[in-house]
N, C-alpha and C. Protein backbone atom coordinates (compact mmCIF):
# COMPACT_ATOMS: atom_id res chain seq x y z
N UNK A 1 0.85 -1.19 0.00
CA UNK A 1 0.00 0.00 0.00
C UNK A 1 0.88 1.24 0.00
N UNK A 2 0.62 2.22 -0.90
CA UNK A 2 1.44 3.42 -0.98
C UNK A 2 1.06 4.39 0.13
N UNK A 3 1.95 5.36 0.37
CA UNK A 3 1.64 6.40 1.38
C UNK A 3 0.39 7.18 0.99
N UNK A 4 0.22 7.37 -0.33
CA UNK A 4 -0.97 8.09 -0.80
C UNK A 4 -2.24 7.33 -0.43
N UNK A 5 -2.22 6.01 -0.60
CA UNK A 5 -3.40 5.21 -0.25
C UNK A 5 -3.62 5.20 1.26
N UNK A 6 -2.52 5.23 2.04
CA UNK A 6 -2.67 5.33 3.49
C UNK A 6 -3.42 6.60 3.85
N UNK A 7 -3.03 7.71 3.22
CA UNK A 7 -3.69 8.99 3.50
C UNK A 7 -5.16 8.94 3.12
N UNK A 8 -5.44 8.33 1.97
CA UNK A 8 -6.83 8.21 1.52
C UNK A 8 -7.63 7.37 2.51
N UNK A 9 -7.04 6.26 2.98
CA UNK A 9 -7.74 5.39 3.92
C UNK A 9 -8.07 6.15 5.20
N UNK A 10 -7.12 6.95 5.66
CA UNK A 10 -7.35 7.72 6.89
C UNK A 10 -8.44 8.76 6.68
N UNK A 11 -8.37 9.45 5.54
CA UNK A 11 -9.37 10.49 5.27
C UNK A 11 -10.77 9.89 5.20
N UNK A 12 -10.88 8.73 4.55
CA UNK A 12 -12.19 8.09 4.43
C UNK A 12 -12.71 7.66 5.79
N UNK A 13 -11.82 7.10 6.61
CA UNK A 13 -12.25 6.67 7.94
C UNK A 13 -12.64 7.86 8.79
N UNK A 14 -11.88 8.96 8.66
CA UNK A 14 -12.19 10.16 9.44
C UNK A 14 -13.51 10.76 9.01
N UNK A 15 -13.78 10.78 7.71
CA UNK A 15 -15.04 11.32 7.21
C UNK A 15 -16.20 10.51 7.75
N UNK A 16 -16.03 9.18 7.78
CA UNK A 16 -17.09 8.33 8.31
C UNK A 16 -17.29 8.50 9.79
N UNK A 17 -16.29 9.06 10.48
CA UNK A 17 -16.36 9.22 11.93
C UNK A 17 -17.07 10.52 12.33
N UNK A 18 -17.34 11.40 11.36
CA UNK A 18 -17.93 12.71 11.68
C UNK A 18 -19.42 12.58 11.99
N UNK A 19 -19.84 13.35 12.95
CA UNK A 19 -21.27 13.44 13.29
C UNK A 19 -21.66 14.91 13.38
N UNK A 20 -22.96 15.18 13.32
CA UNK A 20 -23.46 16.55 13.40
C UNK A 20 -24.01 16.82 14.79
N UNK A 21 -23.52 17.87 15.43
CA UNK A 21 -24.03 18.26 16.74
C UNK A 21 -25.48 18.72 16.57
N UNK A 22 -26.46 18.09 17.26
CA UNK A 22 -27.88 18.43 17.05
C UNK A 22 -28.23 19.82 17.53
N UNK A 23 -27.36 20.41 18.37
CA UNK A 23 -27.68 21.73 18.92
C UNK A 23 -27.05 22.86 18.12
N UNK A 24 -25.81 22.63 17.61
CA UNK A 24 -25.11 23.72 16.91
C UNK A 24 -25.05 23.51 15.41
N UNK A 25 -25.28 22.24 14.96
CA UNK A 25 -25.16 21.95 13.53
C UNK A 25 -23.72 21.78 13.07
N UNK A 26 -22.76 21.82 14.00
CA UNK A 26 -21.36 21.69 13.63
C UNK A 26 -20.98 20.23 13.42
N UNK A 27 -20.01 20.01 12.52
CA UNK A 27 -19.46 18.67 12.29
C UNK A 27 -18.40 18.39 13.36
N UNK A 28 -18.52 17.25 14.03
CA UNK A 28 -17.57 16.87 15.07
C UNK A 28 -17.15 15.41 14.86
N UNK A 29 -16.02 15.07 15.44
CA UNK A 29 -15.55 13.69 15.43
C UNK A 29 -15.72 13.13 16.83
N UNK A 30 -16.55 12.08 16.94
CA UNK A 30 -16.75 11.48 18.25
C UNK A 30 -15.48 10.77 18.69
N UNK A 31 -15.31 10.64 20.01
CA UNK A 31 -14.12 9.96 20.51
C UNK A 31 -14.04 8.52 20.03
N UNK A 32 -15.20 7.82 20.06
CA UNK A 32 -15.20 6.42 19.64
C UNK A 32 -14.88 6.29 18.17
N UNK A 33 -15.58 7.10 17.35
CA UNK A 33 -15.37 7.01 15.91
C UNK A 33 -13.99 7.50 15.52
N UNK A 34 -13.49 8.51 16.25
CA UNK A 34 -12.14 9.00 15.96
C UNK A 34 -11.11 7.93 16.25
N UNK A 35 -11.34 7.16 17.31
CA UNK A 35 -10.42 6.07 17.62
C UNK A 35 -10.43 5.03 16.51
N UNK A 36 -11.62 4.79 15.97
CA UNK A 36 -11.70 3.83 14.86
C UNK A 36 -10.94 4.33 13.65
N UNK A 37 -11.01 5.64 13.41
CA UNK A 37 -10.29 6.21 12.28
C UNK A 37 -8.79 6.06 12.47
N UNK A 38 -8.33 6.31 13.69
CA UNK A 38 -6.90 6.12 13.96
C UNK A 38 -6.51 4.66 13.81
N UNK A 39 -7.43 3.76 14.18
CA UNK A 39 -7.16 2.34 14.01
C UNK A 39 -7.01 1.99 12.54
N UNK A 40 -7.85 2.60 11.71
CA UNK A 40 -7.74 2.36 10.27
C UNK A 40 -6.40 2.83 9.74
N UNK A 41 -5.96 4.00 10.24
CA UNK A 41 -4.65 4.50 9.82
C UNK A 41 -3.54 3.56 10.26
N UNK A 42 -3.63 3.07 11.49
CA UNK A 42 -2.60 2.16 11.99
C UNK A 42 -2.54 0.89 11.15
N UNK A 43 -3.74 0.37 10.81
CA UNK A 43 -3.77 -0.84 10.00
C UNK A 43 -3.17 -0.61 8.63
N UNK A 44 -3.50 0.52 8.03
CA UNK A 44 -2.93 0.83 6.72
C UNK A 44 -1.44 1.01 6.79
N UNK A 45 -0.98 1.67 7.86
CA UNK A 45 0.46 1.86 8.04
C UNK A 45 1.17 0.55 8.23
N UNK A 46 0.54 -0.38 8.93
CA UNK A 46 1.15 -1.69 9.12
C UNK A 46 1.31 -2.40 7.80
N UNK A 47 0.31 -2.24 6.92
CA UNK A 47 0.43 -2.84 5.59
C UNK A 47 1.57 -2.23 4.81
N UNK A 48 1.77 -0.91 4.95
CA UNK A 48 2.87 -0.25 4.27
C UNK A 48 4.20 -0.76 4.79
N UNK A 49 4.31 -0.90 6.11
CA UNK A 49 5.56 -1.37 6.69
C UNK A 49 5.84 -2.81 6.31
N UNK A 50 4.79 -3.62 6.15
CA UNK A 50 4.99 -5.02 5.80
C UNK A 50 5.68 -5.17 4.46
N UNK A 51 5.43 -4.20 3.55
CA UNK A 51 6.17 -4.18 2.31
C UNK A 51 5.77 -5.27 1.35
N UNK A 52 6.72 -5.63 0.48
CA UNK A 52 6.39 -6.46 -0.66
C UNK A 52 6.62 -7.94 -0.49
N UNK A 53 6.72 -8.46 0.71
CA UNK A 53 6.91 -9.90 0.85
C UNK A 53 5.56 -10.58 0.94
N UNK A 54 5.10 -11.08 -0.20
CA UNK A 54 3.77 -11.67 -0.26
C UNK A 54 3.65 -12.92 0.60
N UNK A 55 4.75 -13.68 0.69
CA UNK A 55 4.70 -14.90 1.51
C UNK A 55 4.41 -14.55 2.97
N UNK A 56 5.16 -13.62 3.49
CA UNK A 56 4.96 -13.25 4.90
C UNK A 56 3.56 -12.70 5.14
N UNK A 57 3.11 -11.85 4.23
CA UNK A 57 1.77 -11.26 4.38
C UNK A 57 0.70 -12.35 4.33
N UNK A 58 0.85 -13.32 3.42
CA UNK A 58 -0.14 -14.38 3.28
C UNK A 58 -0.17 -15.26 4.53
N UNK A 59 0.99 -15.59 5.04
CA UNK A 59 1.05 -16.47 6.22
C UNK A 59 0.50 -15.77 7.45
N UNK A 60 0.90 -14.53 7.67
CA UNK A 60 0.41 -13.80 8.83
C UNK A 60 -1.09 -13.57 8.71
N UNK A 61 -1.55 -13.26 7.48
CA UNK A 61 -2.97 -13.07 7.26
C UNK A 61 -3.77 -14.34 7.50
N UNK A 62 -3.13 -15.49 7.32
CA UNK A 62 -3.81 -16.77 7.53
C UNK A 62 -3.75 -17.22 8.98
N UNK A 63 -3.15 -16.40 9.83
CA UNK A 63 -3.13 -16.72 11.26
C UNK A 63 -1.88 -17.39 11.76
N UNK A 64 -0.85 -17.53 10.90
CA UNK A 64 0.42 -18.07 11.37
C UNK A 64 1.15 -16.94 12.08
N UNK A 65 1.38 -17.10 13.37
CA UNK A 65 1.93 -16.02 14.17
C UNK A 65 3.35 -15.66 13.77
N UNK A 66 3.61 -14.36 13.65
CA UNK A 66 4.97 -13.89 13.37
C UNK A 66 5.81 -13.96 14.63
N UNK A 67 7.11 -14.08 14.44
CA UNK A 67 8.05 -14.12 15.55
C UNK A 67 8.57 -12.72 15.83
N UNK A 68 8.89 -12.47 17.10
CA UNK A 68 9.43 -11.16 17.47
C UNK A 68 10.37 -11.33 18.66
N UNK A 69 11.29 -10.39 18.78
CA UNK A 69 12.18 -10.37 19.95
C UNK A 69 12.98 -11.63 20.12
N UNK A 70 13.07 -12.09 21.36
CA UNK A 70 13.87 -13.27 21.68
C UNK A 70 13.31 -14.55 21.10
N UNK A 71 12.03 -14.54 20.72
CA UNK A 71 11.43 -15.75 20.15
C UNK A 71 12.05 -16.10 18.81
N UNK A 72 12.59 -15.11 18.11
CA UNK A 72 13.19 -15.37 16.80
C UNK A 72 14.40 -16.29 16.96
N UNK A 73 15.36 -15.86 17.78
CA UNK A 73 16.56 -16.66 17.98
C UNK A 73 16.26 -18.01 18.60
N UNK A 74 15.34 -18.05 19.57
CA UNK A 74 15.02 -19.31 20.24
C UNK A 74 14.40 -20.31 19.26
N UNK A 75 13.50 -19.82 18.41
CA UNK A 75 12.87 -20.71 17.44
C UNK A 75 13.87 -21.24 16.43
N UNK A 76 14.74 -20.36 15.95
CA UNK A 76 15.73 -20.80 14.97
C UNK A 76 16.76 -21.73 15.61
N UNK A 77 17.04 -21.55 16.90
CA UNK A 77 17.92 -22.48 17.62
C UNK A 77 17.33 -23.89 17.62
N UNK A 78 16.03 -23.98 17.88
CA UNK A 78 15.38 -25.29 17.91
C UNK A 78 15.35 -25.91 16.51
N UNK A 79 15.06 -25.08 15.51
CA UNK A 79 15.11 -25.56 14.12
C UNK A 79 16.48 -26.14 13.80
N UNK A 80 17.52 -25.38 14.13
CA UNK A 80 18.88 -25.81 13.81
C UNK A 80 19.24 -27.11 14.51
N UNK A 81 18.92 -27.19 15.80
CA UNK A 81 19.27 -28.40 16.56
C UNK A 81 18.59 -29.64 15.98
N UNK A 82 17.31 -29.52 15.65
CA UNK A 82 16.60 -30.68 15.12
C UNK A 82 17.08 -31.06 13.72
N UNK A 83 17.38 -30.06 12.90
CA UNK A 83 17.87 -30.35 11.56
C UNK A 83 19.23 -31.03 11.62
N UNK A 84 20.10 -30.57 12.51
CA UNK A 84 21.42 -31.21 12.64
C UNK A 84 21.26 -32.66 13.09
N UNK A 85 20.34 -32.90 14.01
CA UNK A 85 20.13 -34.27 14.49
C UNK A 85 19.55 -35.16 13.38
N UNK A 86 18.60 -34.62 12.63
CA UNK A 86 17.94 -35.40 11.58
C UNK A 86 18.87 -35.67 10.39
N UNK A 87 19.77 -34.74 10.10
CA UNK A 87 20.55 -34.82 8.87
C UNK A 87 21.98 -35.31 9.09
N UNK A 88 22.30 -35.68 10.30
CA UNK A 88 23.65 -36.16 10.58
C UNK A 88 23.96 -37.40 9.73
N UNK A 89 25.09 -37.37 9.04
CA UNK A 89 25.52 -38.51 8.24
C UNK A 89 24.84 -38.65 6.89
N UNK A 90 24.03 -37.67 6.49
CA UNK A 90 23.31 -37.76 5.21
C UNK A 90 24.07 -37.12 4.05
N UNK A 91 25.11 -36.35 4.35
CA UNK A 91 25.81 -35.61 3.32
C UNK A 91 25.28 -34.20 3.14
N UNK A 92 24.23 -33.84 3.87
CA UNK A 92 23.66 -32.50 3.82
C UNK A 92 24.25 -31.68 4.96
N UNK A 93 24.81 -30.53 4.64
CA UNK A 93 25.39 -29.67 5.67
C UNK A 93 24.37 -28.66 6.17
N UNK A 94 24.48 -28.29 7.43
CA UNK A 94 23.60 -27.31 8.05
C UNK A 94 24.46 -26.13 8.50
N UNK A 95 24.16 -24.95 7.98
CA UNK A 95 24.94 -23.75 8.31
C UNK A 95 24.01 -22.69 8.88
N UNK A 96 24.43 -22.07 9.96
CA UNK A 96 23.65 -20.99 10.57
C UNK A 96 24.33 -19.65 10.25
N UNK A 97 23.57 -18.73 9.69
CA UNK A 97 24.05 -17.38 9.39
C UNK A 97 23.07 -16.39 10.00
N UNK A 98 23.42 -15.85 11.16
CA UNK A 98 22.48 -14.98 11.85
C UNK A 98 21.24 -15.76 12.24
N UNK A 99 20.08 -15.28 11.82
CA UNK A 99 18.83 -15.98 12.10
C UNK A 99 18.39 -16.87 10.94
N UNK A 100 19.23 -17.04 9.94
CA UNK A 100 18.91 -17.91 8.81
C UNK A 100 19.66 -19.23 8.92
N UNK A 101 19.03 -20.29 8.43
CA UNK A 101 19.63 -21.63 8.39
C UNK A 101 19.68 -22.07 6.94
N UNK A 102 20.85 -22.55 6.51
CA UNK A 102 21.01 -23.00 5.13
C UNK A 102 21.38 -24.47 5.11
N UNK A 103 20.59 -25.24 4.37
CA UNK A 103 20.87 -26.66 4.14
C UNK A 103 21.48 -26.79 2.75
N UNK A 104 22.70 -27.34 2.68
CA UNK A 104 23.39 -27.50 1.40
C UNK A 104 23.29 -28.95 0.97
N UNK A 105 22.62 -29.20 -0.15
CA UNK A 105 22.40 -30.55 -0.65
C UNK A 105 23.16 -30.75 -1.95
N UNK A 106 24.32 -31.42 -1.91
CA UNK A 106 25.08 -31.65 -3.15
C UNK A 106 24.25 -32.43 -4.15
N UNK A 107 24.31 -32.02 -5.42
CA UNK A 107 23.47 -32.69 -6.43
C UNK A 107 23.88 -34.14 -6.65
N UNK A 108 25.13 -34.47 -6.30
CA UNK A 108 25.58 -35.85 -6.50
C UNK A 108 24.78 -36.85 -5.67
N UNK A 109 24.22 -36.41 -4.54
CA UNK A 109 23.42 -37.31 -3.72
C UNK A 109 21.92 -37.04 -3.88
N UNK A 110 21.59 -36.03 -4.69
CA UNK A 110 20.19 -35.61 -4.82
C UNK A 110 19.59 -35.95 -6.18
N UNK A 111 20.43 -35.87 -7.24
CA UNK A 111 19.95 -36.06 -8.61
C UNK A 111 20.91 -36.95 -9.39
N UNK A 112 20.38 -37.67 -10.35
CA UNK A 112 21.22 -38.37 -11.31
C UNK A 112 21.83 -37.33 -12.25
N UNK A 113 22.92 -37.68 -12.92
CA UNK A 113 23.61 -36.75 -13.80
C UNK A 113 22.66 -36.20 -14.87
N UNK A 114 22.63 -34.85 -14.95
CA UNK A 114 21.84 -34.14 -15.95
C UNK A 114 20.34 -34.39 -15.83
N UNK A 115 19.88 -34.79 -14.65
CA UNK A 115 18.46 -35.02 -14.42
C UNK A 115 17.94 -34.01 -13.39
N UNK A 116 16.62 -33.80 -13.42
CA UNK A 116 16.04 -32.82 -12.50
C UNK A 116 15.00 -33.42 -11.56
N UNK A 117 14.89 -34.75 -11.52
CA UNK A 117 13.99 -35.40 -10.58
C UNK A 117 14.80 -35.96 -9.40
N UNK A 118 14.33 -35.69 -8.20
CA UNK A 118 15.02 -36.17 -7.00
C UNK A 118 15.09 -37.70 -7.04
N UNK A 119 16.28 -38.25 -6.78
CA UNK A 119 16.40 -39.71 -6.78
C UNK A 119 15.71 -40.29 -5.54
N UNK A 120 15.15 -41.47 -5.68
CA UNK A 120 14.36 -42.05 -4.59
C UNK A 120 15.17 -42.30 -3.34
N UNK A 121 16.49 -42.56 -3.48
CA UNK A 121 17.33 -42.80 -2.32
C UNK A 121 17.43 -41.57 -1.42
N UNK A 122 17.11 -40.39 -1.98
CA UNK A 122 17.20 -39.14 -1.20
C UNK A 122 15.88 -38.79 -0.54
N UNK A 123 14.81 -39.51 -0.84
CA UNK A 123 13.51 -39.20 -0.26
C UNK A 123 13.55 -39.19 1.28
N UNK A 124 14.19 -40.17 1.94
CA UNK A 124 14.19 -40.15 3.42
C UNK A 124 14.82 -38.89 4.00
N UNK A 125 15.83 -38.35 3.30
CA UNK A 125 16.46 -37.11 3.78
C UNK A 125 15.47 -35.96 3.71
N UNK A 126 14.79 -35.84 2.58
CA UNK A 126 13.81 -34.76 2.44
C UNK A 126 12.62 -34.97 3.37
N UNK A 127 12.28 -36.22 3.65
CA UNK A 127 11.22 -36.49 4.63
C UNK A 127 11.60 -35.92 6.00
N UNK A 128 12.88 -36.08 6.37
CA UNK A 128 13.35 -35.56 7.65
C UNK A 128 13.29 -34.04 7.68
N UNK A 129 13.66 -33.41 6.56
CA UNK A 129 13.56 -31.95 6.47
C UNK A 129 12.10 -31.52 6.62
N UNK A 130 11.20 -32.22 5.92
CA UNK A 130 9.77 -31.87 5.98
C UNK A 130 9.22 -31.99 7.40
N UNK A 131 9.67 -33.00 8.14
CA UNK A 131 9.21 -33.15 9.52
C UNK A 131 9.52 -31.91 10.34
N UNK A 132 10.74 -31.39 10.19
CA UNK A 132 11.13 -30.20 10.95
C UNK A 132 10.38 -28.98 10.46
N UNK A 133 10.23 -28.84 9.15
CA UNK A 133 9.50 -27.69 8.60
C UNK A 133 8.05 -27.68 9.08
N UNK A 134 7.44 -28.85 9.16
CA UNK A 134 6.05 -28.91 9.63
C UNK A 134 5.94 -28.66 11.13
N UNK A 135 6.96 -29.07 11.86
CA UNK A 135 6.93 -28.87 13.31
C UNK A 135 7.11 -27.41 13.67
N UNK A 136 8.01 -26.76 12.96
CA UNK A 136 8.27 -25.33 13.20
C UNK A 136 7.83 -24.57 11.95
N UNK A 137 6.57 -24.14 11.96
CA UNK A 137 5.99 -23.59 10.74
C UNK A 137 6.16 -22.08 10.59
N UNK A 138 6.84 -21.45 11.54
CA UNK A 138 6.98 -20.00 11.46
C UNK A 138 8.31 -19.60 10.80
N UNK A 139 8.56 -20.19 9.64
CA UNK A 139 9.68 -19.80 8.80
C UNK A 139 9.21 -19.74 7.36
N UNK A 140 9.91 -18.94 6.55
CA UNK A 140 9.72 -18.97 5.10
C UNK A 140 10.89 -19.75 4.51
N UNK A 141 10.65 -20.40 3.37
CA UNK A 141 11.59 -21.37 2.82
C UNK A 141 11.99 -20.94 1.41
N UNK A 142 13.27 -20.62 1.23
CA UNK A 142 13.80 -20.32 -0.10
C UNK A 142 14.58 -21.53 -0.58
N UNK A 143 14.30 -21.98 -1.80
CA UNK A 143 15.02 -23.10 -2.39
C UNK A 143 15.81 -22.57 -3.59
N UNK A 144 17.14 -22.71 -3.52
CA UNK A 144 18.03 -22.18 -4.54
C UNK A 144 18.72 -23.31 -5.29
N UNK A 145 18.71 -23.26 -6.61
CA UNK A 145 19.40 -24.25 -7.43
C UNK A 145 20.67 -23.67 -8.02
N UNK A 146 21.74 -24.48 -8.06
CA UNK A 146 23.04 -24.04 -8.58
C UNK A 146 23.66 -25.15 -9.43
N UNK A 147 24.46 -24.78 -10.42
CA UNK A 147 25.20 -25.74 -11.24
C UNK A 147 26.67 -25.33 -11.30
N UNK A 148 27.48 -26.20 -11.92
CA UNK A 148 28.84 -25.79 -12.24
C UNK A 148 28.81 -25.06 -13.59
N UNK A 149 29.98 -24.73 -14.12
CA UNK A 149 30.03 -23.92 -15.35
C UNK A 149 30.17 -24.76 -16.61
N UNK A 150 30.08 -26.08 -16.49
CA UNK A 150 30.20 -26.94 -17.66
C UNK A 150 28.95 -26.82 -18.54
N UNK A 151 29.14 -26.65 -19.83
CA UNK A 151 27.99 -26.61 -20.73
C UNK A 151 27.45 -25.21 -20.95
N UNK A 152 26.29 -25.15 -21.58
CA UNK A 152 25.66 -23.88 -21.95
C UNK A 152 25.08 -23.17 -20.74
N UNK A 153 25.32 -21.88 -20.66
CA UNK A 153 24.87 -21.10 -19.50
C UNK A 153 23.35 -21.12 -19.35
N UNK A 154 22.63 -20.95 -20.46
CA UNK A 154 21.17 -20.94 -20.40
C UNK A 154 20.62 -22.31 -19.99
N UNK A 155 21.25 -23.35 -20.49
CA UNK A 155 20.82 -24.70 -20.10
C UNK A 155 21.03 -24.90 -18.60
N UNK A 156 22.19 -24.46 -18.10
CA UNK A 156 22.48 -24.61 -16.68
C UNK A 156 21.48 -23.85 -15.82
N UNK A 157 21.10 -22.67 -16.28
CA UNK A 157 20.09 -21.91 -15.53
C UNK A 157 18.79 -22.70 -15.44
N UNK A 158 18.32 -23.23 -16.57
CA UNK A 158 17.07 -23.99 -16.57
C UNK A 158 17.16 -25.22 -15.69
N UNK A 159 18.31 -25.92 -15.76
CA UNK A 159 18.49 -27.12 -14.93
C UNK A 159 18.45 -26.77 -13.45
N UNK A 160 19.10 -25.67 -13.08
CA UNK A 160 19.12 -25.27 -11.67
C UNK A 160 17.72 -24.92 -11.18
N UNK A 161 16.94 -24.28 -12.04
CA UNK A 161 15.57 -23.92 -11.67
C UNK A 161 14.72 -25.16 -11.50
N UNK A 162 14.85 -26.11 -12.42
CA UNK A 162 14.04 -27.33 -12.36
C UNK A 162 14.42 -28.17 -11.14
N UNK A 163 15.68 -28.24 -10.83
CA UNK A 163 16.10 -29.02 -9.66
C UNK A 163 15.58 -28.39 -8.37
N UNK A 164 15.68 -27.08 -8.25
CA UNK A 164 15.15 -26.41 -7.06
C UNK A 164 13.65 -26.63 -6.95
N UNK A 165 12.95 -26.57 -8.08
CA UNK A 165 11.50 -26.79 -8.08
C UNK A 165 11.15 -28.21 -7.65
N UNK A 166 11.95 -29.19 -8.07
CA UNK A 166 11.70 -30.58 -7.70
C UNK A 166 11.80 -30.78 -6.20
N UNK A 167 12.82 -30.16 -5.59
CA UNK A 167 12.98 -30.27 -4.14
C UNK A 167 11.80 -29.61 -3.43
N UNK A 168 11.43 -28.40 -3.87
CA UNK A 168 10.30 -27.70 -3.26
C UNK A 168 9.01 -28.49 -3.43
N UNK A 169 8.79 -29.06 -4.61
CA UNK A 169 7.57 -29.84 -4.88
C UNK A 169 7.50 -31.05 -3.94
N UNK A 170 8.63 -31.71 -3.74
CA UNK A 170 8.63 -32.88 -2.87
C UNK A 170 8.26 -32.49 -1.44
N UNK A 171 8.82 -31.38 -0.96
CA UNK A 171 8.53 -30.94 0.40
C UNK A 171 7.06 -30.53 0.54
N UNK A 172 6.51 -29.88 -0.48
CA UNK A 172 5.09 -29.54 -0.46
C UNK A 172 4.24 -30.80 -0.39
N UNK A 173 4.65 -31.82 -1.11
CA UNK A 173 3.89 -33.07 -1.12
C UNK A 173 3.90 -33.76 0.24
N UNK A 174 4.86 -33.39 1.09
CA UNK A 174 4.90 -33.95 2.45
C UNK A 174 4.12 -33.07 3.44
N UNK A 175 3.34 -32.15 2.92
CA UNK A 175 2.46 -31.36 3.76
C UNK A 175 2.98 -30.01 4.19
N UNK A 176 4.17 -29.60 3.69
CA UNK A 176 4.68 -28.28 4.05
C UNK A 176 3.87 -27.23 3.30
N UNK A 177 3.42 -26.21 4.00
CA UNK A 177 2.56 -25.16 3.45
C UNK A 177 3.20 -24.54 2.21
N UNK A 178 2.57 -24.64 1.04
CA UNK A 178 3.17 -24.10 -0.19
C UNK A 178 3.37 -22.60 -0.16
N UNK A 179 2.63 -21.90 0.69
CA UNK A 179 2.77 -20.44 0.76
C UNK A 179 4.11 -20.02 1.35
N UNK A 180 4.82 -20.95 1.96
CA UNK A 180 6.10 -20.62 2.58
C UNK A 180 7.25 -20.57 1.58
N UNK A 181 7.04 -21.07 0.36
CA UNK A 181 8.14 -21.32 -0.56
C UNK A 181 8.37 -20.20 -1.57
N UNK A 182 9.65 -20.01 -1.89
CA UNK A 182 10.08 -19.29 -3.10
C UNK A 182 11.21 -20.09 -3.71
N UNK A 183 11.20 -20.24 -5.03
CA UNK A 183 12.17 -21.09 -5.73
C UNK A 183 12.94 -20.24 -6.73
N UNK A 184 14.28 -20.33 -6.70
CA UNK A 184 15.11 -19.54 -7.59
C UNK A 184 16.25 -20.39 -8.13
N UNK A 185 16.43 -20.37 -9.44
CA UNK A 185 17.59 -21.01 -10.05
C UNK A 185 18.65 -19.98 -10.38
N UNK A 186 19.88 -20.24 -9.99
CA UNK A 186 20.98 -19.30 -10.24
C UNK A 186 21.96 -19.81 -11.30
N UNK A 187 21.74 -21.04 -11.79
CA UNK A 187 22.66 -21.57 -12.79
C UNK A 187 24.07 -21.64 -12.25
N UNK A 188 25.00 -21.13 -13.05
CA UNK A 188 26.43 -21.20 -12.68
C UNK A 188 26.94 -19.90 -12.08
N UNK A 189 26.05 -18.97 -11.72
CA UNK A 189 26.47 -17.62 -11.34
C UNK A 189 26.94 -17.47 -9.90
N UNK A 190 26.73 -18.48 -9.05
CA UNK A 190 27.11 -18.36 -7.65
C UNK A 190 27.95 -19.56 -7.19
N UNK A 191 29.13 -19.71 -7.77
CA UNK A 191 29.98 -20.84 -7.36
C UNK A 191 30.51 -20.65 -5.95
N UNK A 192 30.72 -21.77 -5.26
CA UNK A 192 31.33 -21.73 -3.93
C UNK A 192 32.74 -22.29 -3.97
N UNK A 193 33.16 -22.78 -5.14
CA UNK A 193 34.50 -23.33 -5.33
C UNK A 193 34.90 -23.11 -6.79
N UNK A 194 36.16 -23.37 -7.08
CA UNK A 194 36.65 -23.19 -8.45
C UNK A 194 36.08 -24.28 -9.37
N UNK A 195 35.65 -23.84 -10.56
CA UNK A 195 35.18 -24.79 -11.55
C UNK A 195 36.32 -25.43 -12.35
N UNK A 196 37.54 -25.11 -11.97
CA UNK A 196 38.69 -25.64 -12.70
C UNK A 196 38.99 -27.10 -12.35
N UNK A 197 38.42 -27.60 -11.26
CA UNK A 197 38.66 -28.99 -10.85
C UNK A 197 37.34 -29.71 -10.68
N UNK A 198 37.36 -31.04 -10.78
CA UNK A 198 36.14 -31.82 -10.59
C UNK A 198 35.61 -31.67 -9.18
N UNK A 199 36.53 -31.61 -8.21
CA UNK A 199 36.10 -31.45 -6.81
C UNK A 199 35.37 -30.12 -6.63
N UNK A 200 35.87 -29.07 -7.26
CA UNK A 200 35.22 -27.77 -7.16
C UNK A 200 33.88 -27.76 -7.86
N UNK A 201 33.83 -28.38 -9.04
CA UNK A 201 32.55 -28.43 -9.77
C UNK A 201 31.50 -29.21 -8.99
N UNK A 202 31.93 -30.27 -8.31
CA UNK A 202 30.98 -31.05 -7.51
C UNK A 202 30.38 -30.21 -6.38
N UNK A 203 31.19 -29.32 -5.80
CA UNK A 203 30.67 -28.45 -4.74
C UNK A 203 29.67 -27.43 -5.30
N UNK A 204 29.90 -27.00 -6.51
CA UNK A 204 29.03 -25.99 -7.11
C UNK A 204 27.68 -26.55 -7.55
N UNK A 205 27.63 -27.85 -7.84
CA UNK A 205 26.35 -28.48 -8.21
C UNK A 205 25.59 -28.80 -6.93
N UNK A 206 24.57 -28.00 -6.62
CA UNK A 206 23.93 -28.15 -5.32
C UNK A 206 22.55 -27.50 -5.34
N UNK A 207 21.73 -27.92 -4.38
CA UNK A 207 20.49 -27.21 -4.06
C UNK A 207 20.59 -26.77 -2.61
N UNK A 208 20.26 -25.52 -2.36
CA UNK A 208 20.29 -24.98 -1.00
C UNK A 208 18.86 -24.67 -0.55
N UNK A 209 18.57 -24.98 0.68
CA UNK A 209 17.30 -24.59 1.31
C UNK A 209 17.63 -23.60 2.41
N UNK A 210 17.08 -22.41 2.31
CA UNK A 210 17.31 -21.39 3.34
C UNK A 210 16.03 -21.16 4.13
N UNK A 211 16.12 -21.30 5.43
CA UNK A 211 14.99 -21.04 6.33
C UNK A 211 15.20 -19.70 7.01
N UNK A 212 14.20 -18.85 6.92
CA UNK A 212 14.26 -17.52 7.54
C UNK A 212 13.05 -17.34 8.44
N UNK A 213 13.22 -16.70 9.60
CA UNK A 213 12.09 -16.56 10.53
C UNK A 213 10.97 -15.70 9.95
N UNK A 214 9.76 -16.07 10.26
CA UNK A 214 8.59 -15.30 9.87
C UNK A 214 8.45 -14.13 10.83
N UNK A 215 8.77 -12.93 10.39
CA UNK A 215 8.77 -11.75 11.27
C UNK A 215 7.88 -10.68 10.69
């Protein structure tokens, strides 16, 4: 909502709050109705502050409580602890960056070569991730796809997008709220190692899941 629309909302609410004094004929704003007008302004302002994150707005609007204050860190601590316990020994790394948690899933254990469908052997790992996501539902989930630099750049972008979508689709199928997801393919543009060696290329072929608190 723009500042202009906020002003319009307030003016409309204030106009509706006006009454006519039966003795003087003057227009006045009653205390009760004036409070309602201020409430309308506050609500509009809150929408302006919420900004352009449709996922957060949809979840909060649906009654999923937002996190604030110390609850943010505490909730993400519990998320991190359970994910580390569930994913130990799976080949998936868990990294904490501030209040965000990143799961790094190497494509070598997630997809067959040049394929975009999750291999069945990896289903139990994603099931474990889904369990935690469903238990702690006050996060938004970004799924990022990445490739190495081998081959055509446009092809790599499409492959990274399809792989990220496959992971997100599988998690949705396990009951994770689809409104929490955003899926982005980056192709070969965000390497974490040198593409000059096979070991480096293997690190660059990955899908990342980033969990961020719903605030």
